[in-house]
All heavy atoms as atom14 arrays in JSON, in Angstrom:
{
  "sequence": "KRGHQLGRVIGQGSALPNSGVPGMIGGYGAQRVIHAPASGTIRVLE",
  "atom14_mask": [
    [1, 1, 1, 1, 1, 1, 1, 1, 1, 0, 0, 0, 0, 0],
    [1, 1, 1, 1, 1, 1, 1, 1, 1, 1, 1, 0, 0, 0],
    [1, 1, 1, 1, 0, 0, 0, 0, 0, 0, 0, 0, 0, 0],
    [1, 1, 1, 1, 1, 1, 1, 1, 1, 1, 0, 0, 0, 0],
    [1, 1, 1, 1, 1, 1, 1, 1, 1, 0, 0, 0, 0, 0],
    [1, 1, 1, 1, 1, 1, 1, 1, 0, 0, 0, 0, 0, 0],
    [1, 1, 1, 1, 0, 0, 0, 0, 0, 0, 0, 0, 0, 0],
    [1, 1, 1, 1, 1, 1, 1, 1, 1, 1, 1, 0, 0, 0],
    [1, 1, 1, 1, 1, 1, 1, 0, 0, 0, 0, 0, 0, 0],
    [1, 1, 1, 1, 1, 1, 1, 1, 0, 0, 0, 0, 0, 0],
    [1, 1, 1, 1, 0, 0, 0, 0, 0, 0, 0, 0, 0, 0],
    [1, 1, 1, 1, 1, 1, 1, 1, 1, 0, 0, 0, 0, 0],
    [1, 1, 1, 1, 0, 0, 0, 0, 0, 0, 0, 0, 0, 0],
    [1, 1, 1, 1, 1, 1, 0, 0, 0, 0, 0, 0, 0, 0],
    [1, 1, 1, 1, 1, 0, 0, 0, 0, 0, 0, 0, 0, 0],
    [1, 1, 1, 1, 1, 1, 1, 1, 0, 0, 0, 0, 0, 0],
    [1, 1, 1, 1, 1, 1, 1, 0, 0, 0, 0, 0, 0, 0],
    [1, 1, 1, 1, 1, 1, 1, 1, 0, 0, 0, 0, 0, 0],
    [1, 1, 1, 1, 1, 1, 0, 0, 0, 0, 0, 0, 0, 0],
    [1, 1, 1, 1, 0, 0, 0, 0, 0, 0, 0, 0, 0, 0],
    [1, 1, 1, 1, 1, 1, 1, 0, 0, 0, 0, 0, 0, 0],
    [1, 1, 1, 1, 1, 1, 1, 0, 0, 0, 0, 0, 0, 0],
    [1, 1, 1, 1, 0, 0, 0, 0, 0, 0, 0, 0, 0, 0],
    [1, 1, 1, 1, 1, 1, 1, 1, 0, 0, 0, 0, 0, 0],
    [1, 1, 1, 1, 1, 1, 1, 1, 0, 0, 0, 0, 0, 0],
    [1, 1, 1, 1, 0, 0, 0, 0, 0, 0, 0, 0, 0, 0],
    [1, 1, 1, 1, 0, 0, 0, 0, 0, 0, 0, 0, 0, 0],
    [1, 1, 1, 1, 1, 1, 1, 1, 1, 1, 1, 1, 0, 0],
    [1, 1, 1, 1, 0, 0, 0, 0, 0, 0, 0, 0, 0, 0],
    [1, 1, 1, 1, 1, 0, 0, 0, 0, 0, 0, 0, 0, 0],
    [1, 1, 1, 1, 1, 1, 1, 1, 1, 0, 0, 0, 0, 0],
    [1, 1, 1, 1, 1, 1, 1, 1, 1, 1, 1, 0, 0, 0],
    [1, 1, 1, 1, 1, 1, 1, 0, 0, 0, 0, 0, 0, 0],
    [1, 1, 1, 1, 1, 1, 1, 1, 0, 0, 0, 0, 0, 0],
    [1, 1, 1, 1, 1, 1, 1, 1, 1, 1, 0, 0, 0, 0],
    [1, 1, 1, 1, 1, 0, 0, 0, 0, 0, 0, 0, 0, 0],
    [1, 1, 1, 1, 1, 1, 1, 0, 0, 0, 0, 0, 0, 0],
    [1, 1, 1, 1, 1, 0, 0, 0, 0, 0, 0, 0, 0, 0],
    [1, 1, 1, 1, 1, 1, 0, 0, 0, 0, 0, 0, 0, 0],
    [1, 1, 1, 1, 0, 0, 0, 0, 0, 0, 0, 0, 0, 0],
    [1, 1, 1, 1, 1, 1, 1, 0, 0, 0, 0, 0, 0, 0],
    [1, 1, 1, 1, 1, 1, 1, 1, 0, 0, 0, 0, 0, 0],
    [1, 1, 1, 1, 1, 1, 1, 1, 1, 1, 1, 0, 0, 0],
    [1, 1, 1, 1, 1, 1, 1, 0, 0, 0, 0, 0, 0, 0],
    [1, 1, 1, 1, 1, 1, 1, 1, 0, 0, 0, 0, 0, 0],
    [1, 1, 1, 1, 1, 1, 1, 1, 1, 0, 0, 0, 0, 0]
  ],
  "atom14_positions": [
    [[3.79, 7.15, -4.68], [2.93, 6.2, -5.41], [3.73, 5.54, -6.52], [4.41, 6.21, -7.3], [1.72, 6.91, -6.01], [0.72, 5.98, -6.7], [-0.48, 6.75, -7.19], [-1.46, 5.84, -7.94], [-2.01, 4.79, -7.08], [0.0, 0.0, 0.0], [0.0, 0.0, 0.0], [0.0, 0.0, 0.0], [0.0, 0.0, 0.0], [0.0, 0.0, 0.0]],
    [[3.66, 4.22, -6.59], [4.37, 3.49, -7.64], [3.94, 3.98, -9.02], [2.79, 4.31, -9.24], [4.1, 1.98, -7.54], [4.87, 1.3, -6.42], [4.79, -0.21, -6.55], [5.51, -0.88, -5.48], [6.81, -1.14, -5.49], [7.54, -0.78, -6.52], [7.37, -1.76, -4.48], [0.0, 0.0, 0.0], [0.0, 0.0, 0.0], [0.0, 0.0, 0.0]],
    [[4.88, 3.98, -9.94], [4.59, 4.42, -11.3], [5.62, 5.42, -11.78], [6.7, 5.58, -11.19], [0.0, 0.0, 0.0], [0.0, 0.0, 0.0], [0.0, 0.0, 0.0], [0.0, 0.0, 0.0], [0.0, 0.0, 0.0], [0.0, 0.0, 0.0], [0.0, 0.0, 0.0], [0.0, 0.0, 0.0], [0.0, 0.0, 0.0], [0.0, 0.0, 0.0]],
    [[5.28, 6.12, -12.83], [6.22, 7.0, -13.51], [6.71, 8.15, -12.63], [7.83, 8.64, -12.8], [5.54, 7.58, -14.76], [6.47, 8.32, -15.66], [7.43, 7.69, -16.44], [6.62, 9.66, -15.9], [8.11, 8.6, -17.12], [7.64, 9.79, -16.81], [0.0, 0.0, 0.0], [0.0, 0.0, 0.0], [0.0, 0.0, 0.0], [0.0, 0.0, 0.0]],
    [[5.88, 8.6, -11.66], [6.22, 9.76, -10.84], [6.92, 9.39, -9.53], [7.3, 10.29, -8.77], [4.95, 10.56, -10.52], [4.2, 11.06, -11.73], [5.01, 12.06, -12.54], [5.78, 12.85, -11.98], [4.86, 12.03, -13.85], [0.0, 0.0, 0.0], [0.0, 0.0, 0.0], [0.0, 0.0, 0.0], [0.0, 0.0, 0.0], [0.0, 0.0, 0.0]],
    [[7.09, 8.12, -9.23], [7.67, 7.69, -7.95], [9.01, 8.36, -7.7], [9.9, 8.33, -8.54], [7.85, 6.17, -7.94], [8.5, 5.57, -6.69], [7.64, 5.81, -5.46], [8.76, 4.07, -6.87], [0.0, 0.0, 0.0], [0.0, 0.0, 0.0], [0.0, 0.0, 0.0], [0.0, 0.0, 0.0], [0.0, 0.0, 0.0], [0.0, 0.0, 0.0]],
    [[9.15, 8.98, -6.52], [10.39, 9.63, -6.15], [10.52, 11.07, -6.63], [11.51, 11.74, -6.31], [0.0, 0.0, 0.0], [0.0, 0.0, 0.0], [0.0, 0.0, 0.0], [0.0, 0.0, 0.0], [0.0, 0.0, 0.0], [0.0, 0.0, 0.0], [0.0, 0.0, 0.0], [0.0, 0.0, 0.0], [0.0, 0.0, 0.0], [0.0, 0.0, 0.0]],
    [[9.52, 11.58, -7.35], [9.59, 12.94, -7.88], [9.56, 13.96, -6.74], [8.81, 13.82, -5.78], [8.43, 13.19, -8.84], [8.45, 14.58, -9.5], [7.42, 14.66, -10.62], [6.07, 14.65, -10.07], [5.36, 15.76, -9.81], [5.89, 16.95, -10.03], [4.12, 15.67, -9.36], [0.0, 0.0, 0.0], [0.0, 0.0, 0.0], [0.0, 0.0, 0.0]],
    [[10.36, 15.01, -6.88], [10.38, 16.11, -5.92], [9.32, 17.13, -6.3], [9.3, 17.64, -7.43], [11.76, 16.78, -5.87], [11.74, 18.0, -4.95], [12.83, 15.79, -5.42], [0.0, 0.0, 0.0], [0.0, 0.0, 0.0], [0.0, 0.0, 0.0], [0.0, 0.0, 0.0], [0.0, 0.0, 0.0], [0.0, 0.0, 0.0], [0.0, 0.0, 0.0]],
    [[8.43, 17.43, -5.36], [7.33, 18.36, -5.6], [7.59, 19.63, -4.79], [7.66, 19.57, -3.56], [5.98, 17.74, -5.2], [5.75, 16.44, -6.0], [4.83, 18.72, -5.4], [4.59, 15.61, -5.48], [0.0, 0.0, 0.0], [0.0, 0.0, 0.0], [0.0, 0.0, 0.0], [0.0, 0.0, 0.0], [0.0, 0.0, 0.0], [0.0, 0.0, 0.0]],
    [[7.75, 20.75, -5.47], [8.01, 22.02, -4.8], [6.77, 22.84, -4.54], [6.76, 23.7, -3.66], [0.0, 0.0, 0.0], [0.0, 0.0, 0.0], [0.0, 0.0, 0.0], [0.0, 0.0, 0.0], [0.0, 0.0, 0.0], [0.0, 0.0, 0.0], [0.0, 0.0, 0.0], [0.0, 0.0, 0.0], [0.0, 0.0, 0.0], [0.0, 0.0, 0.0]],
    [[5.71, 22.57, -5.28], [4.43, 23.23, -5.08], [3.32, 22.19, -5.3], [3.29, 21.52, -6.31], [4.23, 24.38, -6.06], [5.14, 25.57, -5.82], [4.8, 26.34, -4.55], [3.65, 26.39, -4.14], [5.81, 26.93, -3.91], [0.0, 0.0, 0.0], [0.0, 0.0, 0.0], [0.0, 0.0, 0.0], [0.0, 0.0, 0.0], [0.0, 0.0, 0.0]],
    [[2.43, 22.07, -4.31], [1.33, 21.13, -4.44], [1.55, 19.86, -3.64], [2.41, 19.8, -2.76], [0.0, 0.0, 0.0], [0.0, 0.0, 0.0], [0.0, 0.0, 0.0], [0.0, 0.0, 0.0], [0.0, 0.0, 0.0], [0.0, 0.0, 0.0], [0.0, 0.0, 0.0], [0.0, 0.0, 0.0], [0.0, 0.0, 0.0], [0.0, 0.0, 0.0]],
    [[0.79, 18.83, -3.99], [0.74, 17.61, -3.19], [1.08, 16.38, -4.0], [1.04, 16.4, -5.24], [-0.67, 17.44, -2.59], [-1.05, 18.58, -1.84], [0.0, 0.0, 0.0], [0.0, 0.0, 0.0], [0.0, 0.0, 0.0], [0.0, 0.0, 0.0], [0.0, 0.0, 0.0], [0.0, 0.0, 0.0], [0.0, 0.0, 0.0], [0.0, 0.0, 0.0]],
    [[1.38, 15.3, -3.29], [1.57, 14.0, -3.94], [0.22, 13.47, -4.4], [-0.84, 13.98, -4.0], [2.21, 13.03, -2.96], [0.0, 0.0, 0.0], [0.0, 0.0, 0.0], [0.0, 0.0, 0.0], [0.0, 0.0, 0.0], [0.0, 0.0, 0.0], [0.0, 0.0, 0.0], [0.0, 0.0, 0.0], [0.0, 0.0, 0.0], [0.0, 0.0, 0.0]],
    [[0.24, 12.45, -5.23], [-1.0, 11.84, -5.69], [-1.76, 11.27, -4.49], [-1.16, 10.76, -3.55], [-0.7, 10.72, -6.69], [-0.07, 11.18, -8.01], [0.41, 9.98, -8.82], [-1.08, 11.99, -8.82], [0.0, 0.0, 0.0], [0.0, 0.0, 0.0], [0.0, 0.0, 0.0], [0.0, 0.0, 0.0], [0.0, 0.0, 0.0], [0.0, 0.0, 0.0]],
    [[-3.1, 11.37, -4.5], [-3.88, 10.88, -3.35], [-3.75, 9.38, -3.16], [-3.49, 8.64, -4.13], [-5.31, 11.28, -3.69], [-5.32, 11.44, -5.18], [-3.95, 11.93, -5.55], [0.0, 0.0, 0.0], [0.0, 0.0, 0.0], [0.0, 0.0, 0.0], [0.0, 0.0, 0.0], [0.0, 0.0, 0.0], [0.0, 0.0, 0.0], [0.0, 0.0, 0.0]],
    [[-3.93, 8.93, -1.93], [-3.86, 7.51, -1.63], [-5.03, 6.79, -2.27], [-6.2, 7.11, -2.01], [-3.89, 7.32, -0.11], [-3.86, 5.87, 0.3], [-3.22, 5.05, -0.36], [-4.56, 5.54, 1.38], [0.0, 0.0, 0.0], [0.0, 0.0, 0.0], [0.0, 0.0, 0.0], [0.0, 0.0, 0.0], [0.0, 0.0, 0.0], [0.0, 0.0, 0.0]],
    [[-4.73, 5.78, -3.08], [-5.79, 5.03, -3.77], [-6.38, 3.95, -2.88], [-7.47, 3.45, -3.14], [-5.24, 4.39, -5.04], [-4.28, 3.4, -4.72], [0.0, 0.0, 0.0], [0.0, 0.0, 0.0], [0.0, 0.0, 0.0], [0.0, 0.0, 0.0], [0.0, 0.0, 0.0], [0.0, 0.0, 0.0], [0.0, 0.0, 0.0], [0.0, 0.0, 0.0]],
    [[-5.63, 3.56, -1.83], [-6.09, 2.48, -0.96], [-5.86, 1.1, -1.56], [-6.22, 0.09, -0.94], [0.0, 0.0, 0.0], [0.0, 0.0, 0.0], [0.0, 0.0, 0.0], [0.0, 0.0, 0.0], [0.0, 0.0, 0.0], [0.0, 0.0, 0.0], [0.0, 0.0, 0.0], [0.0, 0.0, 0.0], [0.0, 0.0, 0.0], [0.0, 0.0, 0.0]],
    [[-5.27, 1.04, -2.75], [-5.02, -0.24, -3.43], [-3.52, -0.51, -3.45], [-2.76, 0.29, -4.0], [-5.57, -0.23, -4.87], [-5.28, -1.55, -5.56], [-7.06, 0.08, -4.87], [0.0, 0.0, 0.0], [0.0, 0.0, 0.0], [0.0, 0.0, 0.0], [0.0, 0.0, 0.0], [0.0, 0.0, 0.0], [0.0, 0.0, 0.0], [0.0, 0.0, 0.0]],
    [[-3.05, -1.6, -2.86], [-1.61, -1.91, -2.86], [-1.08, -2.09, -4.28], [-1.81, -2.51, -5.18], [-1.53, -3.23, -2.08], [-2.8, -3.28, -1.28], [-3.84, -2.6, -2.12], [0.0, 0.0, 0.0], [0.0, 0.0, 0.0], [0.0, 0.0, 0.0], [0.0, 0.0, 0.0], [0.0, 0.0, 0.0], [0.0, 0.0, 0.0], [0.0, 0.0, 0.0]],
    [[0.2, -1.78, -4.47], [0.82, -1.97, -5.77], [0.87, -3.44, -6.17], [0.89, -4.33, -5.32], [0.0, 0.0, 0.0], [0.0, 0.0, 0.0], [0.0, 0.0, 0.0], [0.0, 0.0, 0.0], [0.0, 0.0, 0.0], [0.0, 0.0, 0.0], [0.0, 0.0, 0.0], [0.0, 0.0, 0.0], [0.0, 0.0, 0.0], [0.0, 0.0, 0.0]],
    [[0.88, -3.67, -7.47], [0.89, -5.04, -7.99], [2.27, -5.66, -7.85], [3.28, -5.05, -8.19], [0.47, -5.04, -9.46], [-0.95, -4.55, -9.71], [-2.21, -5.68, -9.07], [-2.08, -7.02, -10.26], [0.0, 0.0, 0.0], [0.0, 0.0, 0.0], [0.0, 0.0, 0.0], [0.0, 0.0, 0.0], [0.0, 0.0, 0.0], [0.0, 0.0, 0.0]],
    [[2.3, -6.88, -7.33], [3.53, -7.68, -7.26], [3.17, -9.08, -7.74], [2.29, -9.72, -7.18], [4.09, -7.75, -5.83], [4.6, -6.37, -5.38], [5.22, -8.77, -5.74], [5.19, -6.35, -3.99], [0.0, 0.0, 0.0], [0.0, 0.0, 0.0], [0.0, 0.0, 0.0], [0.0, 0.0, 0.0], [0.0, 0.0, 0.0], [0.0, 0.0, 0.0]],
    [[3.84, -9.51, -8.78], [3.59, -10.86, -9.3], [2.15, -11.08, -9.7], [1.64, -12.2, -9.61], [0.0, 0.0, 0.0], [0.0, 0.0, 0.0], [0.0, 0.0, 0.0], [0.0, 0.0, 0.0], [0.0, 0.0, 0.0], [0.0, 0.0, 0.0], [0.0, 0.0, 0.0], [0.0, 0.0, 0.0], [0.0, 0.0, 0.0], [0.0, 0.0, 0.0]],
    [[1.48, -10.02, -10.14], [0.09, -10.15, -10.59], [-0.95, -9.99, -9.48], [-2.15, -10.1, -9.75], [0.0, 0.0, 0.0], [0.0, 0.0, 0.0], [0.0, 0.0, 0.0], [0.0, 0.0, 0.0], [0.0, 0.0, 0.0], [0.0, 0.0, 0.0], [0.0, 0.0, 0.0], [0.0, 0.0, 0.0], [0.0, 0.0, 0.0], [0.0, 0.0, 0.0]],
    [[-0.51, -9.74, -8.25], [-1.44, -9.59, -7.13], [-1.32, -8.2, -6.53], [-0.22, -7.69, -6.34], [-1.15, -10.64, -6.05], [-1.47, -12.06, -6.46], [-0.47, -12.87, -7.02], [-2.74, -12.59, -6.29], [-0.76, -14.17, -7.4], [-3.02, -13.9, -6.65], [-2.03, -14.68, -7.21], [-2.31, -15.97, -7.59], [0.0, 0.0, 0.0], [0.0, 0.0, 0.0]],
    [[-2.45, -7.62, -6.18], [-2.48, -6.32, -5.53], [-3.07, -6.45, -4.14], [-2.4, -6.84, -3.19], [0.0, 0.0, 0.0], [0.0, 0.0, 0.0], [0.0, 0.0, 0.0], [0.0, 0.0, 0.0], [0.0, 0.0, 0.0], [0.0, 0.0, 0.0], [0.0, 0.0, 0.0], [0.0, 0.0, 0.0], [0.0, 0.0, 0.0], [0.0, 0.0, 0.0]],
    [[-4.37, -6.14, -4.03], [-5.04, -6.17, -2.73], [-5.01, -7.56, -2.1], [-4.99, -7.69, -0.86], [-6.48, -5.69, -2.87], [0.0, 0.0, 0.0], [0.0, 0.0, 0.0], [0.0, 0.0, 0.0], [0.0, 0.0, 0.0], [0.0, 0.0, 0.0], [0.0, 0.0, 0.0], [0.0, 0.0, 0.0], [0.0, 0.0, 0.0], [0.0, 0.0, 0.0]],
    [[-4.98, -8.61, -2.94], [-5.04, -9.98, -2.41], [-3.83, -10.35, -1.56], [-3.91, -11.2, -0.69], [-5.16, -11.0, -3.56], [-6.29, -10.72, -4.54], [-5.76, -10.05, -5.8], [-5.06, -9.05, -5.72], [-6.11, -10.6, -6.95], [0.0, 0.0, 0.0], [0.0, 0.0, 0.0], [0.0, 0.0, 0.0], [0.0, 0.0, 0.0], [0.0, 0.0, 0.0]],
    [[-2.7, -9.71, -1.82], [-1.47, -10.1, -1.12], [-1.33, -9.45, 0.26], [-0.47, -9.85, 1.05], [-0.24, -9.75, -1.96], [-0.03, -8.28, -2.16], [1.22, -7.99, -3.01], [1.39, -6.57, -3.25], [1.92, -5.72, -2.37], [2.36, -6.17, -1.22], [2.03, -4.44, -2.66], [0.0, 0.0, 0.0], [0.0, 0.0, 0.0], [0.0, 0.0, 0.0]],
    [[-2.17, -8.47, 0.56], [-2.1, -7.75, 1.84], [-3.21, -8.24, 2.76], [-4.37, -8.37, 2.36], [-2.23, -6.24, 1.62], [-2.23, -5.51, 2.96], [-1.07, -5.73, 0.75], [0.0, 0.0, 0.0], [0.0, 0.0, 0.0], [0.0, 0.0, 0.0], [0.0, 0.0, 0.0], [0.0, 0.0, 0.0], [0.0, 0.0, 0.0], [0.0, 0.0, 0.0]],
    [[-2.86, -8.52, 4.01], [-3.81, -9.05, 4.99], [-4.05, -8.01, 6.07], [-3.11, -7.43, 6.61], [-3.28, -10.35, 5.61], [-3.05, -11.41, 4.52], [-4.24, -10.88, 6.68], [-2.36, -12.66, 5.02], [0.0, 0.0, 0.0], [0.0, 0.0, 0.0], [0.0, 0.0, 0.0], [0.0, 0.0, 0.0], [0.0, 0.0, 0.0], [0.0, 0.0, 0.0]],
    [[-5.33, -7.79, 6.36], [-5.72, -6.86, 7.42], [-6.36, -7.64, 8.57], [-6.93, -8.71, 8.37], [-6.71, -5.83, 6.89], [-6.12, -4.93, 5.84], [-6.07, -5.28, 4.5], [-5.52, -3.71, 5.93], [-5.48, -4.31, 3.82], [-5.15, -3.35, 4.66], [0.0, 0.0, 0.0], [0.0, 0.0, 0.0], [0.0, 0.0, 0.0], [0.0, 0.0, 0.0]],
    [[-6.25, -7.09, 9.76], [-6.75, -7.78, 10.94], [-8.27, -7.98, 10.84], [-9.0, -7.01, 10.69], [-6.41, -6.98, 12.2], [0.0, 0.0, 0.0], [0.0, 0.0, 0.0], [0.0, 0.0, 0.0], [0.0, 0.0, 0.0], [0.0, 0.0, 0.0], [0.0, 0.0, 0.0], [0.0, 0.0, 0.0], [0.0, 0.0, 0.0], [0.0, 0.0, 0.0]],
    [[-8.73, -9.23, 10.95], [-10.17, -9.5, 10.89], [-10.88, -9.23, 12.22], [-12.11, -9.31, 12.31], [-10.22, -10.99, 10.54], [-8.97, -11.55, 11.12], [-7.94, -10.47, 11.02], [0.0, 0.0, 0.0], [0.0, 0.0, 0.0], [0.0, 0.0, 0.0], [0.0, 0.0, 0.0], [0.0, 0.0, 0.0], [0.0, 0.0, 0.0], [0.0, 0.0, 0.0]],
    [[-10.1, -8.96, 13.26], [-10.68, -8.72, 14.59], [-9.7, -7.89, 15.41], [-8.54, -7.7, 15.02], [-10.96, -10.05, 15.3], [0.0, 0.0, 0.0], [0.0, 0.0, 0.0], [0.0, 0.0, 0.0], [0.0, 0.0, 0.0], [0.0, 0.0, 0.0], [0.0, 0.0, 0.0], [0.0, 0.0, 0.0], [0.0, 0.0, 0.0], [0.0, 0.0, 0.0]],
    [[-10.15, -7.38, 16.53], [-9.28, -6.65, 17.45], [-8.81, -7.58, 18.57], [-9.53, -8.5, 18.96], [-10.03, -5.46, 18.06], [-10.4, -4.52, 17.07], [0.0, 0.0, 0.0], [0.0, 0.0, 0.0], [0.0, 0.0, 0.0], [0.0, 0.0, 0.0], [0.0, 0.0, 0.0], [0.0, 0.0, 0.0], [0.0, 0.0, 0.0], [0.0, 0.0, 0.0]],
    [[-7.59, -7.32, 19.05], [-7.05, -8.14, 20.14], [-5.56, -8.32, 19.99], [-4.92, -7.72, 19.12], [0.0, 0.0, 0.0], [0.0, 0.0, 0.0], [0.0, 0.0, 0.0], [0.0, 0.0, 0.0], [0.0, 0.0, 0.0], [0.0, 0.0, 0.0], [0.0, 0.0, 0.0], [0.0, 0.0, 0.0], [0.0, 0.0, 0.0], [0.0, 0.0, 0.0]],
    [[-4.99, -9.15, 20.83], [-3.55, -9.43, 20.8], [-3.26, -10.53, 19.78], [-3.86, -11.61, 19.83], [-3.06, -9.86, 22.19], [-3.32, -8.81, 23.12], [-1.56, -10.15, 22.16], [0.0, 0.0, 0.0], [0.0, 0.0, 0.0], [0.0, 0.0, 0.0], [0.0, 0.0, 0.0], [0.0, 0.0, 0.0], [0.0, 0.0, 0.0], [0.0, 0.0, 0.0]],
    [[-2.34, -10.25, 18.86], [-2.03, -11.21, 17.81], [-0.95, -12.18, 18.29], [0.0, -11.79, 18.96], [-1.6, -10.51, 16.51], [-1.52, -11.5, 15.35], [-0.28, -9.78, 16.69], [-1.41, -10.85, 13.98], [0.0, 0.0, 0.0], [0.0, 0.0, 0.0], [0.0, 0.0, 0.0], [0.0, 0.0, 0.0], [0.0, 0.0, 0.0], [0.0, 0.0, 0.0]],
    [[-1.14, -13.44, 17.95], [-0.14, -14.49, 18.19], [0.32, -15.0, 16.84], [-0.42, -15.67, 16.13], [-0.73, -15.62, 19.03], [-1.08, -15.19, 20.45], [0.13, -14.62, 21.17], [-0.2, -14.03, 22.48], [0.6, -13.21, 23.15], [1.78, -12.88, 22.63], [0.23, -12.72, 24.31], [0.0, 0.0, 0.0], [0.0, 0.0, 0.0], [0.0, 0.0, 0.0]],
    [[1.55, -14.66, 16.48], [2.1, -14.99, 15.16], [2.61, -16.43, 15.16], [3.35, -16.83, 16.05], [3.22, -14.01, 14.79], [3.89, -14.42, 13.49], [2.66, -12.59, 14.68], [0.0, 0.0, 0.0], [0.0, 0.0, 0.0], [0.0, 0.0, 0.0], [0.0, 0.0, 0.0], [0.0, 0.0, 0.0], [0.0, 0.0, 0.0], [0.0, 0.0, 0.0]],
    [[2.21, -17.19, 14.13], [2.57, -18.6, 14.04], [3.57, -18.89, 12.93], [4.18, -19.96, 12.92], [1.31, -19.45, 13.85], [0.22, -19.27, 14.92], [-1.03, -20.06, 14.55], [0.75, -19.71, 16.28], [0.0, 0.0, 0.0], [0.0, 0.0, 0.0], [0.0, 0.0, 0.0], [0.0, 0.0, 0.0], [0.0, 0.0, 0.0], [0.0, 0.0, 0.0]],
    [[3.71, -17.98, 11.98], [4.66, -18.16, 10.88], [5.59, -16.96, 10.82], [5.17, -15.83, 10.95], [3.92, -18.31, 9.54], [3.09, -19.57, 9.42], [3.93, -20.84, 9.33], [5.15, -20.74, 9.04], [3.37, -21.92, 9.56], [0.0, 0.0, 0.0], [0.0, 0.0, 0.0], [0.0, 0.0, 0.0], [0.0, 0.0, 0.0], [0.0, 0.0, 0.0]]
  ]
}
């Protein structure tokens, strides 16, 4: 998980739980990630 603990070696216990929120880049978090709005074969145009 991005932040102060990123890359820390844990010998007992677990990593921080998944928040489901992408890390911030250039002021954007969840907005910068795109998820499939439907099921099917994707045709990439860009």
